[in-house]
Amino acid sequence: MAEISFNKNMRKHEIMGSLLIFIGATWLGLGLYATMLAANRLLANIPLLSTNQLLIFPLFYGLGSILIMFGIIELREMLPGKNRRN
């Protein structure tokens, strides 16, 4: 039988960087969805959101942006021309 072997060609920080970017983009998407729901409430003449509910927006946008930037910093290590140690 043929033996299947998988080479591990992604390093740990590359996987973490990709995961952080994915999670950050998901948080930004949730923030955008919450913003659209709030805008829809304004169009339907429903009372505005309370202060506790408005804290959701900075949470989603802020955390999403920070996670994306952390992911970009992690992925910068794999740019061409960097000294890569095993």
Protein backbone atom coordinates (compact mmCIF):
# COMPACT_ATOMS: atom_id res chain seq x y z
CA MET A 1 0.00 0.00 0.00
CA ALA A 2 1.07 3.53 -0.61
CA GLU A 3 1.94 5.46 2.48
CA ILE A 4 0.51 8.96 2.75
CA SER A 5 2.60 11.51 4.56
CA PHE A 6 1.69 15.08 5.24
CA ASN A 7 4.40 17.67 5.43
CA LYS A 8 3.91 20.35 7.99
CA ASN A 9 4.64 23.43 5.90
CA MET A 10 2.94 26.03 8.12
CA ARG A 11 4.55 27.15 11.30
CA LYS A 12 2.71 27.74 14.53
CA HIS A 13 2.78 31.54 14.26
CA GLU A 14 1.44 31.38 10.69
CA ILE A 15 -1.52 29.29 11.82
CA MET A 16 -2.13 31.61 14.77
CA GLY A 17 -1.92 34.68 12.53
CA SER A 18 -4.43 33.24 10.07
CA LEU A 19 -6.75 32.25 12.91
CA LEU A 20 -6.55 35.71 14.49
CA ILE A 21 -7.39 37.38 11.19
CA PHE A 22 -10.36 35.04 10.69
CA ILE A 23 -11.71 35.64 14.20
CA GLY A 24 -11.15 39.40 13.88
CA ALA A 25 -12.99 39.56 10.57
CA THR A 26 -15.84 37.55 12.10
CA TRP A 27 -16.09 40.05 14.99
CA LEU A 28 -16.12 42.95 12.53
CA GLY A 29 -18.87 41.21 10.58
CA LEU A 30 -20.93 40.77 13.74
CA GLY A 31 -20.42 44.45 14.52
CA LEU A 32 -21.59 45.40 11.05
CA TYR A 33 -24.63 43.16 11.45
CA ALA A 34 -25.47 44.78 14.81
CA THR A 35 -25.10 48.22 13.23
CA MET A 36 -27.50 47.30 10.43
CA LEU A 37 -30.03 45.99 12.97
CA ALA A 38 -29.82 49.28 14.88
CA ALA A 39 -30.28 51.26 11.66
CA ASN A 40 -33.29 49.12 10.79
CA ARG A 41 -34.82 49.92 14.17
CA LEU A 42 -34.45 53.63 13.42
CA LEU A 43 -36.27 53.24 10.10
CA ALA A 44 -39.14 51.33 11.71
CA ASN A 45 -39.70 54.04 14.37
CA ILE A 46 -38.81 51.69 17.21
CA PRO A 47 -37.23 53.40 20.24
CA LEU A 48 -33.46 53.72 20.20
CA LEU A 49 -31.16 51.21 21.83
CA SER A 50 -30.33 51.62 25.48
CA THR A 51 -26.84 52.51 26.69
CA ASN A 52 -26.01 48.92 27.60
CA GLN A 53 -26.91 47.76 24.12
CA LEU A 54 -24.83 50.52 22.53
CA LEU A 55 -21.71 49.14 24.22
CA ILE A 56 -21.90 46.24 21.78
CA PHE A 57 -20.60 48.35 18.87
CA PRO A 58 -17.20 49.34 20.32
CA LEU A 59 -16.79 45.81 21.62
CA PHE A 60 -17.25 44.24 18.19
CA TYR A 61 -15.37 46.86 16.17
CA GLY A 62 -12.56 47.36 18.66
CA LEU A 63 -11.90 43.71 19.40
CA GLY A 64 -12.21 42.77 15.73
CA SER A 65 -9.70 45.44 14.67
CA ILE A 66 -7.23 44.46 17.38
CA LEU A 67 -7.43 40.78 16.46
CA ILE A 68 -6.89 41.53 12.78
CA MET A 69 -3.84 43.65 13.56
CA PHE A 70 -2.40 40.94 15.82
CA GLY A 71 -2.89 38.45 12.99
CA ILE A 72 -1.14 40.74 10.50
CA ILE A 73 1.78 41.14 12.91
CA GLU A 74 2.04 37.35 13.26
CA LEU A 75 1.92 36.82 9.50
CA ARG A 76 4.63 39.44 8.88
CA GLU A 77 7.14 36.86 9.99
CA MET A 78 6.58 34.86 6.82
CA LEU A 79 7.35 37.65 4.35
CA PRO A 80 9.98 36.78 1.74
CA GLY A 81 13.50 37.88 2.59
CA LYS A 82 13.20 37.26 6.31
CA ASN A 83 15.74 34.99 7.94
CA ARG A 84 13.88 31.79 8.63
CA ARG A 85 15.26 29.53 11.33
CA ASN A 86 14.14 25.95 11.75
